[in-house]
Amino acid sequence: MELKHTEHNGNLLLSLNGGLTIFQAAERKPELLHALAQASRTLSLDLSRVDEIDTAGIQLLLLLKREAARNGLQLEVAAYSPAVLAAFDLLQLHSLFDAETVSLAEGAS
């Protein structure tokens, strides 16, 4: 799974590409938590290119959400892939994550 960071006015957009399964979650956890620590206000996740997600990936997203709240930060999902959307639908997680377009998360008009 590839990660791309973009910062704009204290907001950090993190774009994930590839799978977010048990095979990648443990490997990416430190990097995702580090990215969260770098955000000064909001960490937006672009999940539009995540082609596979399982419960380990969902647990990692929930951990990021909890740690963001603990540190007074916002965590939001800027875009969903069909795979992530299906998992969120199945587990009824939409209410936990605010969805915006990637252009809004980047501060574009």
C-alpha atoms as a PDB file:
ATOM      1  CA  MET A   1       0.000   0.000   0.000  1.00  0.00           C
ATOM      2  CA  GLU A   2       1.361   3.376  -1.018  1.00  0.00           C
ATOM      3  CA  LEU A   3       0.829   6.533   1.046  1.00  0.00           C
ATOM      4  CA  LYS A   4       0.956  10.093  -0.274  1.00  0.00           C
ATOM      5  CA  HIS A   5       0.941  13.148   2.029  1.00  0.00           C
ATOM      6  CA  THR A   6      -0.286  16.623   1.061  1.00  0.00           C
ATOM      7  CA  GLU A   7      -0.498  19.518   3.539  1.00  0.00           C
ATOM      8  CA  HIS A   8      -2.603  22.669   3.222  1.00  0.00           C
ATOM      9  CA  ASN A   9      -3.166  25.212   6.032  1.00  0.00           C
ATOM     10  CA  GLY A  10      -2.597  22.749   8.858  1.00  0.00           C
ATOM     11  CA  ASN A  11      -4.758  20.113   7.215  1.00  0.00           C
ATOM     12  CA  LEU A  12      -3.031  16.937   6.134  1.00  0.00           C
ATOM     13  CA  LEU A  13      -4.463  14.870   3.284  1.00  0.00           C
ATOM     14  CA  LEU A  14      -3.265  11.293   3.260  1.00  0.00           C
ATOM     15  CA  SER A  15      -3.987   9.313   0.094  1.00  0.00           C
ATOM     16  CA  LEU A  16      -3.857   5.536   0.445  1.00  0.00           C
ATOM     17  CA  ASN A  17      -3.382   3.295  -2.567  1.00  0.00           C
ATOM     18  CA  GLY A  18      -3.747  -0.497  -2.629  1.00  0.00           C
ATOM     19  CA  GLY A  19      -4.943  -2.894   0.033  1.00  0.00           C
ATOM     20  CA  LEU A  20      -5.650  -2.189   3.675  1.00  0.00           C
ATOM     21  CA  THR A  21      -5.876  -5.716   5.010  1.00  0.00           C
ATOM     22  CA  ILE A  22      -4.254  -7.693   7.789  1.00  0.00           C
ATOM     23  CA  PHE A  23      -1.169  -7.968   5.584  1.00  0.00           C
ATOM     24  CA  GLN A  24      -0.708  -4.183   5.340  1.00  0.00           C
ATOM     25  CA  ALA A  25      -2.368  -2.864   8.518  1.00  0.00           C
ATOM     26  CA  ALA A  26       0.384  -3.816  10.967  1.00  0.00           C
ATOM     27  CA  GLU A  27       3.030  -2.500   8.591  1.00  0.00           C
ATOM     28  CA  ARG A  28       1.241   0.827   8.003  1.00  0.00           C
ATOM     29  CA  LYS A  29       0.063   1.494  11.559  1.00  0.00           C
ATOM     30  CA  PRO A  30       3.223   3.381  12.678  1.00  0.00           C
ATOM     31  CA  GLU A  31       3.257   5.483   9.500  1.00  0.00           C
ATOM     32  CA  LEU A  32      -0.428   6.380   9.806  1.00  0.00           C
ATOM     33  CA  LEU A  33      -0.066   7.292  13.487  1.00  0.00           C
ATOM     34  CA  HIS A  34       2.974   9.428  12.617  1.00  0.00           C
ATOM     35  CA  ALA A  35       0.946  11.204   9.928  1.00  0.00           C
ATOM     36  CA  LEU A  36      -1.772  11.876  12.493  1.00  0.00           C
ATOM     37  CA  ALA A  37       0.821  13.385  14.834  1.00  0.00           C
ATOM     38  CA  GLN A  38       1.967  15.715  12.020  1.00  0.00           C
ATOM     39  CA  ALA A  39      -1.522  17.157  11.486  1.00  0.00           C
ATOM     40  CA  SER A  40      -2.184  20.364  13.383  1.00  0.00           C
ATOM     41  CA  ARG A  41      -5.969  20.402  12.885  1.00  0.00           C
ATOM     42  CA  THR A  42      -7.347  17.784  10.515  1.00  0.00           C
ATOM     43  CA  LEU A  43      -6.204  14.544   8.940  1.00  0.00           C
ATOM     44  CA  SER A  44      -8.231  13.759   5.841  1.00  0.00           C
ATOM     45  CA  LEU A  45      -8.031  10.281   4.372  1.00  0.00           C
ATOM     46  CA  ASP A  46      -8.478   9.741   0.647  1.00  0.00           C
ATOM     47  CA  LEU A  47      -9.505   6.092   0.501  1.00  0.00           C
ATOM     48  CA  SER A  48     -10.659   6.242  -3.133  1.00  0.00           C
ATOM     49  CA  ARG A  49      -7.799   4.005  -4.302  1.00  0.00           C
ATOM     50  CA  VAL A  50      -8.021   1.381  -1.558  1.00  0.00           C
ATOM     51  CA  ASP A  51      -8.913  -1.726  -3.536  1.00  0.00           C
ATOM     52  CA  GLU A  52      -9.296  -4.119  -0.599  1.00  0.00           C
ATOM     53  CA  ILE A  53     -10.070  -3.685   3.101  1.00  0.00           C
ATOM     54  CA  ASP A  54     -10.793  -6.160   5.892  1.00  0.00           C
ATOM     55  CA  THR A  55     -11.492  -5.920   9.606  1.00  0.00           C
ATOM     56  CA  ALA A  56      -7.822  -5.241  10.372  1.00  0.00           C
ATOM     57  CA  GLY A  57      -7.962  -2.225   8.059  1.00  0.00           C
ATOM     58  CA  ILE A  58     -11.216  -1.088   9.646  1.00  0.00           C
ATOM     59  CA  GLN A  59      -9.655  -1.448  13.112  1.00  0.00           C
ATOM     60  CA  LEU A  60      -6.756   0.733  11.990  1.00  0.00           C
ATOM     61  CA  LEU A  61      -9.145   3.437  10.764  1.00  0.00           C
ATOM     62  CA  LEU A  62     -11.042   3.280  14.066  1.00  0.00           C
ATOM     63  CA  LEU A  63      -7.745   3.547  15.974  1.00  0.00           C
ATOM     64  CA  LEU A  64      -6.839   6.653  13.968  1.00  0.00           C
ATOM     65  CA  LYS A  65     -10.268   8.124  14.722  1.00  0.00           C
ATOM     66  CA  ARG A  66      -9.875   7.450  18.461  1.00  0.00           C
ATOM     67  CA  GLU A  67      -6.328   8.844  18.603  1.00  0.00           C
ATOM     68  CA  ALA A  68      -7.379  11.950  16.675  1.00  0.00           C
ATOM     69  CA  ALA A  69     -10.169  12.627  19.176  1.00  0.00           C
ATOM     70  CA  ARG A  70      -7.805  11.979  22.079  1.00  0.00           C
ATOM     71  CA  ASN A  71      -5.428  14.622  20.690  1.00  0.00           C
ATOM     72  CA  GLY A  72      -8.099  17.183  19.818  1.00  0.00           C
ATOM     73  CA  LEU A  73      -7.786  16.614  16.081  1.00  0.00           C
ATOM     74  CA  GLN A  74     -10.328  15.882  13.389  1.00  0.00           C
ATOM     75  CA  LEU A  75     -10.142  12.733  11.273  1.00  0.00           C
ATOM     76  CA  GLU A  76     -12.327  12.570   8.213  1.00  0.00           C
ATOM     77  CA  VAL A  77     -12.674  10.463   5.114  1.00  0.00           C
ATOM     78  CA  ALA A  78     -12.359  12.661   2.035  1.00  0.00           C
ATOM     79  CA  ALA A  79     -13.229   9.925  -0.480  1.00  0.00           C
ATOM     80  CA  TYR A  80     -14.277   6.294  -0.445  1.00  0.00           C
ATOM     81  CA  SER A  81     -13.485   3.451  -2.832  1.00  0.00           C
ATOM     82  CA  PRO A  82     -16.222   0.929  -3.605  1.00  0.00           C
ATOM     83  CA  ALA A  83     -14.413  -1.591  -1.364  1.00  0.00           C
ATOM     84  CA  VAL A  84     -14.295   0.805   1.596  1.00  0.00           C
ATOM     85  CA  LEU A  85     -17.863   1.922   0.990  1.00  0.00           C
ATOM     86  CA  ALA A  86     -19.045  -1.711   1.007  1.00  0.00           C
ATOM     87  CA  ALA A  87     -17.206  -2.399   4.283  1.00  0.00           C
ATOM     88  CA  PHE A  88     -18.571   0.784   5.890  1.00  0.00           C
ATOM     89  CA  ASP A  89     -22.079  -0.138   4.708  1.00  0.00           C
ATOM     90  CA  LEU A  90     -21.762  -3.649   6.104  1.00  0.00           C
ATOM     91  CA  LEU A  91     -20.481  -2.418   9.465  1.00  0.00           C
ATOM     92  CA  GLN A  92     -22.622   0.763   9.544  1.00  0.00           C
ATOM     93  CA  LEU A  93     -19.616   3.030  10.054  1.00  0.00           C
ATOM     94  CA  HIS A  94     -20.679   6.047   7.959  1.00  0.00           C
ATOM     95  CA  SER A  95     -21.829   7.948  11.029  1.00  0.00           C
ATOM     96  CA  LEU A  96     -18.311   7.788  12.495  1.00  0.00           C
ATOM     97  CA  PHE A  97     -16.578   9.384   9.503  1.00  0.00           C
ATOM     98  CA  ASP A  98     -17.414  12.664   7.764  1.00  0.00           C
ATOM     99  CA  ALA A  99     -17.227  12.389   3.988  1.00  0.00           C
ATOM    100  CA  GLU A 100     -16.061  15.290   1.843  1.00  0.00           C
ATOM    101  CA  THR A 101     -14.654  15.517  -1.629  1.00  0.00           C
ATOM    102  CA  VAL A 102     -10.893  15.428  -2.005  1.00  0.00           C
ATOM    103  CA  SER A 103     -10.919  18.930  -3.504  1.00  0.00           C
ATOM    104  CA  LEU A 104     -12.562  20.316  -0.348  1.00  0.00           C
ATOM    105  CA  ALA A 105     -10.071  18.492   1.845  1.00  0.00           C
ATOM    106  CA  GLU A 106      -7.216  20.036  -0.134  1.00  0.00           C
ATOM    107  CA  GLY A 107      -8.727  23.498   0.269  1.00  0.00           C
ATOM    108  CA  ALA A 108      -9.503  23.930  -3.439  1.00  0.00           C
ATOM    109  CA  SER A 109     -12.596  25.770  -4.540  1.00  0.00           C
END
